[in-house]
Amino acid sequence: MLVSILHRATGSGLATVGTILFVWWLAAAAAGEEAYATFLSWFTGDWAPLGYILGVGLTWAFFQHMANGVRHLFMDLGANFELKGNRASAVATLAFAGLATAAFWAYIVLGR
């Protein structure tokens, strides 16, 4: 049940927060250098810790939503209806999201 709730919450969060950030980025780019510098300061300047929290949260939400979507795809094909396998795949989506987020941000922060 947890992964079902997380799937809905991450989908809504990605749509809402992602749209707000995208529109803010477009508006800042259209408004000029000063507005764009203010936008970037949330991710590289004084407000960077908040930007990193937002970025890590969105990344985790993306990977969780994606993994659970793949899980549901297999369930739609008729697989994984046994309780043991269903629980294992639910735990696997949570583990995958955590590990993929950590790997992604290690690559971003520690260098390419």
PDB file of N, CA and C in Angstrom:
ATOM      1  N   MET A   1       0.824  -1.183   0.000  1.00  0.00           N
ATOM      2  CA  MET A   1       0.000   0.000   0.000  1.00  0.00           C
ATOM      3  C   MET A   1       0.878   1.261   0.000  1.00  0.00           C
ATOM      4  N   LEU A   2       2.022   1.193   0.676  1.00  0.00           N
ATOM      5  CA  LEU A   2       2.906   2.356   0.733  1.00  0.00           C
ATOM      6  C   LEU A   2       3.361   2.785  -0.652  1.00  0.00           C
ATOM      7  N   VAL A   3       3.772   1.826  -1.483  1.00  0.00           N
ATOM      8  CA  VAL A   3       4.276   2.206  -2.804  1.00  0.00           C
ATOM      9  C   VAL A   3       3.163   2.737  -3.697  1.00  0.00           C
ATOM     10  N   SER A   4       1.944   2.289  -3.472  1.00  0.00           N
ATOM     11  CA  SER A   4       0.815   2.826  -4.232  1.00  0.00           C
ATOM     12  C   SER A   4       0.580   4.294  -3.876  1.00  0.00           C
ATOM     13  N   ILE A   5       0.626   4.592  -2.596  1.00  0.00           N
ATOM     14  CA  ILE A   5       0.463   5.984  -2.148  1.00  0.00           C
ATOM     15  C   ILE A   5       1.631   6.832  -2.630  1.00  0.00           C
ATOM     16  N   LEU A   6       2.848   6.284  -2.530  1.00  0.00           N
ATOM     17  CA  LEU A   6       4.029   7.013  -3.004  1.00  0.00           C
ATOM     18  C   LEU A   6       3.966   7.273  -4.505  1.00  0.00           C
ATOM     19  N   HIS A   7       3.418   6.317  -5.248  1.00  0.00           N
ATOM     20  CA  HIS A   7       3.321   6.498  -6.700  1.00  0.00           C
ATOM     21  C   HIS A   7       2.432   7.698  -7.030  1.00  0.00           C
ATOM     22  N   ARG A   8       1.321   7.804  -6.351  1.00  0.00           N
ATOM     23  CA  ARG A   8       0.424   8.942  -6.571  1.00  0.00           C
ATOM     24  C   ARG A   8       1.056  10.252  -6.089  1.00  0.00           C
ATOM     25  N   ALA A   9       1.670  10.207  -4.913  1.00  0.00           N
ATOM     26  CA  ALA A   9       2.272  11.417  -4.346  1.00  0.00           C
ATOM     27  C   ALA A   9       3.451  11.904  -5.179  1.00  0.00           C
ATOM     28  N   THR A  10       4.304  10.978  -5.626  1.00  0.00           N
ATOM     29  CA  THR A  10       5.455  11.399  -6.430  1.00  0.00           C
ATOM     30  C   THR A  10       5.015  11.917  -7.792  1.00  0.00           C
ATOM     31  N   GLY A  11       3.992  11.313  -8.370  1.00  0.00           N
ATOM     32  CA  GLY A  11       3.475  11.814  -9.648  1.00  0.00           C
ATOM     33  C   GLY A  11       2.933  13.222  -9.518  1.00  0.00           C
ATOM     34  N   SER A  12       2.154  13.450  -8.478  1.00  0.00           N
ATOM     35  CA  SER A  12       1.607  14.793  -8.250  1.00  0.00           C
ATOM     36  C   SER A  12       2.716  15.784  -7.918  1.00  0.00           C
ATOM     37  N   GLY A  13       3.663  15.362  -7.102  1.00  0.00           N
ATOM     38  CA  GLY A  13       4.765  16.246  -6.737  1.00  0.00           C
ATOM     39  C   GLY A  13       5.633  16.610  -7.921  1.00  0.00           C
ATOM     40  N   LEU A  14       5.942  15.625  -8.748  1.00  0.00           N
ATOM     41  CA  LEU A  14       6.749  15.903  -9.939  1.00  0.00           C
ATOM     42  C   LEU A  14       6.026  16.862 -10.873  1.00  0.00           C
ATOM     43  N   ALA A  15       4.740  16.636 -11.051  1.00  0.00           N
ATOM     44  CA  ALA A  15       3.973  17.506 -11.942  1.00  0.00           C
ATOM     45  C   ALA A  15       3.886  18.923 -11.390  1.00  0.00           C
ATOM     46  N   THR A  16       3.607  19.055 -10.112  1.00  0.00           N
ATOM     47  CA  THR A  16       3.424  20.375  -9.516  1.00  0.00           C
ATOM     48  C   THR A  16       4.752  21.117  -9.366  1.00  0.00           C
ATOM     49  N   VAL A  17       5.674  20.523  -8.640  1.00  0.00           N
ATOM     50  CA  VAL A  17       6.957  21.194  -8.373  1.00  0.00           C
ATOM     51  C   VAL A  17       7.762  21.338  -9.655  1.00  0.00           C
ATOM     52  N   GLY A  18       7.750  20.314 -10.495  1.00  0.00           N
ATOM     53  CA  GLY A  18       8.476  20.390 -11.763  1.00  0.00           C
ATOM     54  C   GLY A  18       7.951  21.489 -12.662  1.00  0.00           C
ATOM     55  N   THR A  19       6.628  21.637 -12.713  1.00  0.00           N
ATOM     56  CA  THR A  19       6.037  22.697 -13.533  1.00  0.00           C
ATOM     57  C   THR A  19       6.378  24.064 -12.983  1.00  0.00           C
ATOM     58  N   ILE A  20       6.312  24.216 -11.676  1.00  0.00           N
ATOM     59  CA  ILE A  20       6.647  25.504 -11.069  1.00  0.00           C
ATOM     60  C   ILE A  20       8.099  25.878 -11.357  1.00  0.00           C
ATOM     61  N   LEU A  21       9.019  24.928 -11.190  1.00  0.00           N
ATOM     62  CA  LEU A  21      10.432  25.209 -11.476  1.00  0.00           C
ATOM     63  C   LEU A  21      10.661  25.509 -12.957  1.00  0.00           C
ATOM     64  N   PHE A  22       9.996  24.777 -13.824  1.00  0.00           N
ATOM     65  CA  PHE A  22      10.155  25.003 -15.262  1.00  0.00           C
ATOM     66  C   PHE A  22       9.649  26.389 -15.657  1.00  0.00           C
ATOM     67  N   VAL A  23       8.492  26.771 -15.156  1.00  0.00           N
ATOM     68  CA  VAL A  23       7.944  28.097 -15.472  1.00  0.00           C
ATOM     69  C   VAL A  23       8.824  29.189 -14.885  1.00  0.00           C
ATOM     70  N   TRP A  24       9.345  28.975 -13.660  1.00  0.00           N
ATOM     71  CA  TRP A  24      10.241  29.960 -13.048  1.00  0.00           C
ATOM     72  C   TRP A  24      11.505  30.111 -13.883  1.00  0.00           C
ATOM     73  N   TRP A  25      12.057  28.995 -14.358  1.00  0.00           N
ATOM     74  CA  TRP A  25      13.251  29.036 -15.183  1.00  0.00           C
ATOM     75  C   TRP A  25      12.982  29.789 -16.482  1.00  0.00           C
ATOM     76  N   LEU A  26      11.867  29.494 -17.149  1.00  0.00           N
ATOM     77  CA  LEU A  26      11.529  30.195 -18.383  1.00  0.00           C
ATOM     78  C   LEU A  26      11.310  31.684 -18.150  1.00  0.00           C
ATOM     79  N   ALA A  27      10.595  32.031 -17.088  1.00  0.00           N
ATOM     80  CA  ALA A  27      10.342  33.442 -16.786  1.00  0.00           C
ATOM     81  C   ALA A  27      11.637  34.166 -16.452  1.00  0.00           C
ATOM     82  N   ALA A  28      12.521  33.508 -15.701  1.00  0.00           N
ATOM     83  CA  ALA A  28      13.801  34.128 -15.355  1.00  0.00           C
ATOM     84  C   ALA A  28      14.664  34.323 -16.596  1.00  0.00           C
ATOM     85  N   ALA A  29      14.666  33.343 -17.480  1.00  0.00           N
ATOM     86  CA  ALA A  29      15.445  33.465 -18.710  1.00  0.00           C
ATOM     87  C   ALA A  29      14.904  34.591 -19.586  1.00  0.00           C
ATOM     88  N   ALA A  30      13.592  34.757 -19.600  1.00  0.00           N
ATOM     89  CA  ALA A  30      12.981  35.805 -20.425  1.00  0.00           C
ATOM     90  C   ALA A  30      13.117  37.194 -19.799  1.00  0.00           C
ATOM     91  N   ALA A  31      13.261  37.244 -18.483  1.00  0.00           N
ATOM     92  CA  ALA A  31      13.298  38.536 -17.785  1.00  0.00           C
ATOM     93  C   ALA A  31      14.667  39.207 -17.810  1.00  0.00           C
ATOM     94  N   GLY A  32      15.700  38.468 -18.142  1.00  0.00           N
ATOM     95  CA  GLY A  32      17.015  39.085 -18.238  1.00  0.00           C
ATOM     96  C   GLY A  32      18.047  38.443 -17.331  1.00  0.00           C
ATOM     97  N   GLU A  33      19.247  39.012 -17.392  1.00  0.00           N
ATOM     98  CA  GLU A  33      20.382  38.423 -16.679  1.00  0.00           C
ATOM     99  C   GLU A  33      20.205  38.424 -15.168  1.00  0.00           C
ATOM    100  N   GLU A  34      19.700  39.508 -14.626  1.00  0.00           N
ATOM    101  CA  GLU A  34      19.556  39.602 -13.169  1.00  0.00           C
ATOM    102  C   GLU A  34      18.555  38.580 -12.636  1.00  0.00           C
ATOM    103  N   ALA A  35      17.433  38.436 -13.306  1.00  0.00           N
ATOM    104  CA  ALA A  35      16.430  37.451 -12.887  1.00  0.00           C
ATOM    105  C   ALA A  35      16.962  36.030 -13.034  1.00  0.00           C
ATOM    106  N   TYR A  36      17.706  35.777 -14.104  1.00  0.00           N
ATOM    107  CA  TYR A  36      18.263  34.447 -14.303  1.00  0.00           C
ATOM    108  C   TYR A  36      19.339  34.151 -13.258  1.00  0.00           C
ATOM    109  N   ALA A  37      20.128  35.156 -12.904  1.00  0.00           N
ATOM    110  CA  ALA A  37      21.133  34.974 -11.859  1.00  0.00           C
ATOM    111  C   ALA A  37      20.469  34.677 -10.517  1.00  0.00           C
ATOM    112  N   THR A  38      19.334  35.316 -10.254  1.00  0.00           N
ATOM    113  CA  THR A  38      18.589  35.019  -9.034  1.00  0.00           C
ATOM    114  C   THR A  38      18.103  33.576  -9.040  1.00  0.00           C
ATOM    115  N   PHE A  39      17.596  33.119 -10.171  1.00  0.00           N
ATOM    116  CA  PHE A  39      17.167  31.719 -10.286  1.00  0.00           C
ATOM    117  C   PHE A  39      18.334  30.772 -10.025  1.00  0.00           C
ATOM    118  N   LEU A  40      19.469  31.041 -10.652  1.00  0.00           N
ATOM    119  CA  LEU A  40      20.632  30.165 -10.480  1.00  0.00           C
ATOM    120  C   LEU A  40      21.175  30.192  -9.064  1.00  0.00           C
ATOM    121  N   SER A  41      20.988  31.317  -8.348  1.00  0.00           N
ATOM    122  CA  SER A  41      21.512  31.409  -6.988  1.00  0.00           C
ATOM    123  C   SER A  41      20.845  30.402  -6.055  1.00  0.00           C
ATOM    124  N   TRP A  42      19.668  29.935  -6.415  1.00  0.00           N
ATOM    125  CA  TRP A  42      18.998  28.912  -5.606  1.00  0.00           C
ATOM    126  C   TRP A  42      19.702  27.568  -5.724  1.00  0.00           C
ATOM    127  N   PHE A  43      20.524  27.412  -6.748  1.00  0.00           N
ATOM    128  CA  PHE A  43      21.190  26.129  -6.974  1.00  0.00           C
ATOM    129  C   PHE A  43      22.711  26.226  -6.911  1.00  0.00           C
ATOM    130  N   THR A  44      23.248  27.449  -6.949  1.00  0.00           N
ATOM    131  CA  THR A  44      24.703  27.594  -6.920  1.00  0.00           C
ATOM    132  C   THR A  44      25.185  28.646  -5.938  1.00  0.00           C
ATOM    133  N   GLY A  45      24.301  29.467  -5.414  1.00  0.00           N
ATOM    134  CA  GLY A  45      24.721  30.583  -4.566  1.00  0.00           C
ATOM    135  C   GLY A  45      24.368  30.382  -3.108  1.00  0.00           C
ATOM    136  N   ASP A  46      23.918  31.478  -2.492  1.00  0.00           N
ATOM    137  CA  ASP A  46      23.617  31.467  -1.064  1.00  0.00           C
ATOM    138  C   ASP A  46      22.494  30.504  -0.699  1.00  0.00           C
ATOM    139  N   TRP A  47      21.553  30.302  -1.602  1.00  0.00           N
ATOM    140  CA  TRP A  47      20.408  29.434  -1.333  1.00  0.00           C
ATOM    141  C   TRP A  47      20.651  28.003  -1.800  1.00  0.00           C
ATOM    142  N   ALA A  48      21.881  27.665  -2.150  1.00  0.00           N
ATOM    143  CA  ALA A  48      22.186  26.350  -2.714  1.00  0.00           C
ATOM    144  C   ALA A  48      21.725  25.172  -1.854  1.00  0.00           C
ATOM    145  N   PRO A  49      21.835  25.215  -0.526  1.00  0.00           N
ATOM    146  CA  PRO A  49      21.343  24.057   0.246  1.00  0.00           C
ATOM    147  C   PRO A  49      19.857  23.763  -0.002  1.00  0.00           C
ATOM    148  N   LEU A  50      19.049  24.782  -0.114  1.00  0.00           N
ATOM    149  CA  LEU A  50      17.635  24.557  -0.410  1.00  0.00           C
ATOM    150  C   LEU A  50      17.453  24.004  -1.815  1.00  0.00           C
ATOM    151  N   GLY A  51      18.247  24.492  -2.739  1.00  0.00           N
ATOM    152  CA  GLY A  51      18.191  23.985  -4.103  1.00  0.00           C
ATOM    153  C   GLY A  51      18.600  22.524  -4.179  1.00  0.00           C
ATOM    154  N   TYR A  52      19.628  22.145  -3.394  1.00  0.00           N
ATOM    155  CA  TYR A  52      20.043  20.746  -3.380  1.00  0.00           C
ATOM    156  C   TYR A  52      18.973  19.854  -2.753  1.00  0.00           C
ATOM    157  N   ILE A  53      18.343  20.319  -1.687  1.00  0.00           N
ATOM    158  CA  ILE A  53      17.257  19.546  -1.070  1.00  0.00           C
ATOM    159  C   ILE A  53      16.131  19.346  -2.078  1.00  0.00           C
ATOM    160  N   LEU A  54      15.782  20.410  -2.776  1.00  0.00           N
ATOM    161  CA  LEU A  54      14.740  20.328  -3.791  1.00  0.00           C
ATOM    162  C   LEU A  54      15.162  19.391  -4.916  1.00  0.00           C
ATOM    163  N   GLY A  55      16.392  19.507  -5.355  1.00  0.00           N
ATOM    164  CA  GLY A  55      16.889  18.653  -6.437  1.00  0.00           C
ATOM    165  C   GLY A  55      16.943  17.179  -6.055  1.00  0.00           C
ATOM    166  N   VAL A  56      17.441  16.898  -4.858  1.00  0.00           N
ATOM    167  CA  VAL A  56      17.507  15.507  -4.402  1.00  0.00           C
ATOM    168  C   VAL A  56      16.094  14.953  -4.231  1.00  0.00           C
ATOM    169  N   GLY A  57      15.197  15.758  -3.690  1.00  0.00           N
ATOM    170  CA  GLY A  57      13.814  15.309  -3.523  1.00  0.00           C
ATOM    171  C   GLY A  57      13.137  15.010  -4.848  1.00  0.00           C
ATOM    172  N   LEU A  58      13.326  15.884  -5.821  1.00  0.00           N
ATOM    173  CA  LEU A  58      12.740  15.641  -7.138  1.00  0.00           C
ATOM    174  C   LEU A  58      13.363  14.432  -7.821  1.00  0.00           C
ATOM    175  N   THR A  59      14.654  14.246  -7.636  1.00  0.00           N
ATOM    176  CA  THR A  59      15.329  13.093  -8.224  1.00  0.00           C
ATOM    177  C   THR A  59      14.810  11.798  -7.618  1.00  0.00           C
ATOM    178  N   TRP A  60      14.682  11.767  -6.277  1.00  0.00           N
ATOM    179  CA  TRP A  60      14.147  10.580  -5.628  1.00  0.00           C
ATOM    180  C   TRP A  60      12.710  10.321  -6.092  1.00  0.00           C
ATOM    181  N   ALA A  61      11.908  11.372  -6.176  1.00  0.00           N
ATOM    182  CA  ALA A  61      10.519  11.217  -6.624  1.00  0.00           C
ATOM    183  C   ALA A  61      10.471  10.661  -8.043  1.00  0.00           C
ATOM    184  N   PHE A  62      11.356  11.138  -8.909  1.00  0.00           N
ATOM    185  CA  PHE A  62      11.399  10.631 -10.283  1.00  0.00           C
ATOM    186  C   PHE A  62      11.728   9.149 -10.314  1.00  0.00           C
ATOM    187  N   PHE A  63      12.796   8.742  -9.612  1.00  0.00           N
ATOM    188  CA  PHE A  63      13.196   7.341  -9.640  1.00  0.00           C
ATOM    189  C   PHE A  63      12.150   6.443  -8.981  1.00  0.00           C
ATOM    190  N   GLN A  64      11.538   6.898  -7.902  1.00  0.00           N
ATOM    191  CA  GLN A  64      10.497   6.110  -7.246  1.00  0.00           C
ATOM    192  C   GLN A  64       9.284   5.942  -8.165  1.00  0.00           C
ATOM    193  N   HIS A  65       8.871   7.023  -8.786  1.00  0.00           N
ATOM    194  CA  HIS A  65       7.720   6.979  -9.686  1.00  0.00           C
ATOM    195  C   HIS A  65       8.008   6.083 -10.889  1.00  0.00           C
ATOM    196  N   MET A  66       9.215   6.193 -11.436  1.00  0.00           N
ATOM    197  CA  MET A  66       9.591   5.379 -12.583  1.00  0.00           C
ATOM    198  C   MET A  66       9.634   3.894 -12.221  1.00  0.00           C
ATOM    199  N   ALA A  67      10.272   3.559 -11.099  1.00  0.00           N
ATOM    200  CA  ALA A  67      10.385   2.159 -10.700  1.00  0.00           C
ATOM    201  C   ALA A  67       9.017   1.553 -10.420  1.00  0.00           C
ATOM    202  N   ASN A  68       8.159   2.306  -9.772  1.00  0.00           N
ATOM    203  CA  ASN A  68       6.833   1.783  -9.486  1.00  0.00           C
ATOM    204  C   ASN A  68       5.997   1.685 -10.760  1.00  0.00           C
ATOM    205  N   GLY A  69       6.224   2.564 -11.705  1.00  0.00           N
ATOM    206  CA  GLY A  69       5.544   2.454 -12.994  1.00  0.00           C
ATOM    207  C   GLY A  69       5.941   1.189 -13.726  1.00  0.00           C
ATOM    208  N   VAL A  70       7.211   0.846 -13.696  1.00  0.00           N
ATOM    209  CA  VAL A  70       7.678  -0.397 -14.320  1.00  0.00           C
ATOM    210  C   VAL A  70       7.080  -1.595 -13.576  1.00  0.00           C
ATOM    211  N   ARG A  71       7.028  -1.523 -12.266  1.00  0.00           N
ATOM    212  CA  ARG A  71       6.408  -2.592 -11.462  1.00  0.00           C
ATOM    213  C   ARG A  71       4.953  -2.791 -11.874  1.00  0.00           C
ATOM    214  N   HIS A  72       4.230  -1.700 -12.031  1.00  0.00           N
ATOM    215  CA  HIS A  72       2.829  -1.798 -12.426  1.00  0.00           C
ATOM    216  C   HIS A  72       2.679  -2.306 -13.860  1.00  0.00           C
ATOM    217  N   LEU A  73       3.633  -1.987 -14.719  1.00  0.00           N
ATOM    218  CA  LEU A  73       3.596  -2.510 -16.082  1.00  0.00           C
ATOM    219  C   LEU A  73       3.648  -4.035 -16.067  1.00  0.00           C
ATOM    220  N   PHE A  74       4.548  -4.591 -15.257  1.00  0.00           N
ATOM    221  CA  PHE A  74       4.641  -6.047 -15.158  1.00  0.00           C
ATOM    222  C   PHE A  74       3.385  -6.638 -14.525  1.00  0.00           C
ATOM    223  N   MET A  75       2.815  -5.937 -13.572  1.00  0.00           N
ATOM    224  CA  MET A  75       1.571  -6.425 -12.964  1.00  0.00           C
ATOM    225  C   MET A  75       0.429  -6.392 -13.984  1.00  0.00           C
ATOM    226  N   ASP A  76       0.410  -5.385 -14.843  1.00  0.00           N
ATOM    227  CA  ASP A  76      -0.615  -5.318 -15.885  1.00  0.00           C
ATOM    228  C   ASP A  76      -0.479  -6.456 -16.896  1.00  0.00           C
ATOM    229  N   LEU A  77       0.734  -6.965 -17.047  1.00  0.00           N
ATOM    230  CA  LEU A  77       0.974  -8.083 -17.949  1.00  0.00           C
ATOM    231  C   LEU A  77       0.608  -9.420 -17.304  1.00  0.00           C
ATOM    232  N   GLY A  78       0.218  -9.397 -16.024  1.00  0.00           N
ATOM    233  CA  GLY A  78      -0.218 -10.609 -15.342  1.00  0.00           C
ATOM    234  C   GLY A  78       0.820 -11.245 -14.452  1.00  0.00           C
ATOM    235  N   ALA A  79       1.925 -10.593 -14.242  1.00  0.00           N
ATOM    236  CA  ALA A  79       2.984 -11.147 -13.406  1.00  0.00           C
ATOM    237  C   ALA A  79       2.928 -10.551 -12.008  1.00  0.00           C
ATOM    238  N   ASN A  80       3.498 -11.279 -11.062  1.00  0.00           N
ATOM    239  CA  ASN A  80       3.761 -10.744  -9.726  1.00  0.00           C
ATOM    240  C   ASN A  80       2.506 -10.506  -8.889  1.00  0.00           C
ATOM    241  N   PHE A  81       1.544 -11.415  -8.975  1.00  0.00           N
ATOM    242  CA  PHE A  81       0.355 -11.278  -8.145  1.00  0.00           C
ATOM    243  C   PHE A  81       0.467 -12.052  -6.830  1.00  0.00           C
ATOM    244  N   GLU A  82       1.474 -12.904  -6.709  1.00  0.00           N
ATOM    245  CA  GLU A  82       1.679 -13.620  -5.453  1.00  0.00           C
ATOM    246  C   GLU A  82       2.149 -12.628  -4.403  1.00  0.00           C
ATOM    247  N   LEU A  83       1.693 -12.817  -3.179  1.00  0.00           N
ATOM    248  CA  LEU A  83       1.967 -11.855  -2.119  1.00  0.00           C
ATOM    249  C   LEU A  83       3.464 -11.676  -1.866  1.00  0.00           C
ATOM    250  N   LYS A  84       4.201 -12.782  -1.846  1.00  0.00           N
ATOM    251  CA  LYS A  84       5.639 -12.699  -1.578  1.00  0.00           C
ATOM    252  C   LYS A  84       6.376 -11.910  -2.667  1.00  0.00           C
ATOM    253  N   GLY A  85       6.092 -12.214  -3.914  1.00  0.00           N
ATOM    254  CA  GLY A  85       6.728 -11.500  -5.020  1.00  0.00           C
ATOM    255  C   GLY A  85       6.293 -10.051  -5.104  1.00  0.00           C
ATOM    256  N   ASN A  86       5.033  -9.804  -4.792  1.00  0.00           N
ATOM    257  CA  ASN A  86       4.519  -8.438  -4.828  1.00  0.00           C
ATOM    258  C   ASN A  86       5.208  -7.576  -3.778  1.00  0.00           C
ATOM    259  N   ARG A  87       5.348  -8.109  -2.589  1.00  0.00           N
ATOM    260  CA  ARG A  87       6.048  -7.357  -1.527  1.00  0.00           C
ATOM    261  C   ARG A  87       7.513  -7.139  -1.868  1.00  0.00           C
ATOM    262  N   ALA A  88       8.137  -8.155  -2.427  1.00  0.00           N
ATOM    263  CA  ALA A  88       9.550  -8.030  -2.802  1.00  0.00           C
ATOM    264  C   ALA A  88       9.737  -6.950  -3.862  1.00  0.00           C
ATOM    265  N   SER A  89       8.838  -6.904  -4.833  1.00  0.00           N
ATOM    266  CA  SER A  89       8.975  -5.881  -5.870  1.00  0.00           C
ATOM    267  C   SER A  89       8.687  -4.482  -5.308  1.00  0.00           C
ATOM    268  N   ALA A  90       7.805  -4.392  -4.320  1.00  0.00           N
ATOM    269  CA  ALA A  90       7.538  -3.098  -3.687  1.00  0.00           C
ATOM    270  C   ALA A  90       8.775  -2.601  -2.938  1.00  0.00           C
ATOM    271  N   VAL A  91       9.416  -3.493  -2.209  1.00  0.00           N
ATOM    272  CA  VAL A  91      10.649  -3.130  -1.497  1.00  0.00           C
ATOM    273  C   VAL A  91      11.752  -2.795  -2.501  1.00  0.00           C
ATOM    274  N   ALA A  92      11.784  -3.517  -3.617  1.00  0.00           N
ATOM    275  CA  ALA A  92      12.805  -3.262  -4.646  1.00  0.00           C
ATOM    276  C   ALA A  92      12.655  -1.866  -5.244  1.00  0.00           C
ATOM    277  N   THR A  93      11.415  -1.400  -5.409  1.00  0.00           N
ATOM    278  CA  THR A  93      11.241  -0.047  -5.946  1.00  0.00           C
ATOM    279  C   THR A  93      11.798   1.001  -4.982  1.00  0.00           C
ATOM    280  N   LEU A  94      11.573   0.796  -3.692  1.00  0.00           N
ATOM    281  CA  LEU A  94      12.102   1.732  -2.696  1.00  0.00           C
ATOM    282  C   LEU A  94      13.631   1.705  -2.664  1.00  0.00           C
ATOM    283  N   ALA A  95      14.197   0.495  -2.709  1.00  0.00           N
ATOM    284  CA  ALA A  95      15.658   0.366  -2.706  1.00  0.00           C
ATOM    285  C   ALA A  95      16.264   0.967  -3.965  1.00  0.00           C
ATOM    286  N   PHE A  96      15.655   0.685  -5.113  1.00  0.00           N
ATOM    287  CA  PHE A  96      16.163   1.230  -6.372  1.00  0.00           C
ATOM    288  C   PHE A  96      16.147   2.757  -6.346  1.00  0.00           C
ATOM    289  N   ALA A  97      15.045   3.337  -5.869  1.00  0.00           N
ATOM    290  CA  ALA A  97      14.943   4.802  -5.843  1.00  0.00           C
ATOM    291  C   ALA A  97      16.035   5.411  -4.975  1.00  0.00           C
ATOM    292  N   GLY A  98      16.271   4.832  -3.822  1.00  0.00           N
ATOM    293  CA  GLY A  98      17.321   5.350  -2.937  1.00  0.00           C
ATOM    294  C   GLY A  98      18.705   5.213  -3.534  1.00  0.00           C
ATOM    295  N   LEU A  99      19.001   4.037  -4.077  1.00  0.00           N
ATOM    296  CA  LEU A  99      20.326   3.804  -4.659  1.00  0.00           C
ATOM    297  C   LEU A  99      20.555   4.635  -5.922  1.00  0.00           C
ATOM    298  N   ALA A 100      19.547   4.731  -6.776  1.00  0.00           N
ATOM    299  CA  ALA A 100      19.695   5.512  -8.003  1.00  0.00           C
ATOM    300  C   ALA A 100      19.858   6.993  -7.698  1.00  0.00           C
ATOM    301  N   THR A 101      19.129   7.486  -6.708  1.00  0.00           N
ATOM    302  CA  THR A 101      19.274   8.888  -6.309  1.00  0.00           C
ATOM    303  C   THR A 101      20.673   9.152  -5.766  1.00  0.00           C
ATOM    304  N   ALA A 102      21.152   8.260  -4.897  1.00  0.00           N
ATOM    305  CA  ALA A 102      22.501   8.422  -4.338  1.00  0.00           C
ATOM    306  C   ALA A 102      23.558   8.377  -5.442  1.00  0.00           C
ATOM    307  N   ALA A 103      23.424   7.446  -6.378  1.00  0.00           N
ATOM    308  CA  ALA A 103      24.394   7.344  -7.472  1.00  0.00           C
ATOM    309  C   ALA A 103      24.355   8.568  -8.369  1.00  0.00           C
ATOM    310  N   PHE A 104      23.155   9.053  -8.679  1.00  0.00           N
ATOM    311  CA  PHE A 104      23.009  10.223  -9.532  1.00  0.00           C
ATOM    312  C   PHE A 104      23.666  11.446  -8.900  1.00  0.00           C
ATOM    313  N   TRP A 105      23.380  11.681  -7.616  1.00  0.00           N
ATOM    314  CA  TRP A 105      23.934  12.870  -6.967  1.00  0.00           C
ATOM    315  C   TRP A 105      25.414  12.716  -6.649  1.00  0.00           C
ATOM    316  N   ALA A 106      25.893  11.509  -6.445  1.00  0.00           N
ATOM    317  CA  ALA A 106      27.339  11.311  -6.293  1.00  0.00           C
ATOM    318  C   ALA A 106      28.039  11.680  -7.588  1.00  0.00           C
ATOM    319  N   TYR A 107      27.447  11.312  -8.707  1.00  0.00           N
ATOM    320  CA  TYR A 107      28.014  11.660 -10.009  1.00  0.00           C
ATOM    321  C   TYR A 107      27.986  13.176 -10.217  1.00  0.00           C
ATOM    322  N   ILE A 108      26.906  13.828  -9.849  1.00  0.00           N
ATOM    323  CA  ILE A 108      26.782  15.278 -10.028  1.00  0.00           C
ATOM    324  C   ILE A 108      27.754  16.028  -9.134  1.00  0.00           C
ATOM    325  N   VAL A 109      27.806  15.659  -7.856  1.00  0.00           N
ATOM    326  CA  VAL A 109      28.586  16.413  -6.872  1.00  0.00           C
ATOM    327  C   VAL A 109      30.077  16.088  -6.937  1.00  0.00           C
ATOM    328  N   LEU A 110      30.399  14.827  -7.059  1.00  0.00           N
ATOM    329  CA  LEU A 110      31.804  14.410  -6.970  1.00  0.00           C
ATOM    330  C   LEU A 110      32.554  14.540  -8.285  1.00  0.00           C
ATOM    331  N   GLY A 111      31.869  14.808  -9.343  1.00  0.00           N
ATOM    332  CA  GLY A 111      32.549  15.015 -10.616  1.00  0.00           C
ATOM    333  C   GLY A 111      32.172  13.971 -11.631  1.00  0.00           C
ATOM    334  N   ARG A 112      32.573  14.280 -12.820  1.00  0.00           N
ATOM    335  CA  ARG A 112      32.166  13.426 -13.945  1.00  0.00           C
ATOM    336  C   ARG A 112      33.289  12.556 -14.371  1.00  0.00           C
TER     337      ARG A 112
END
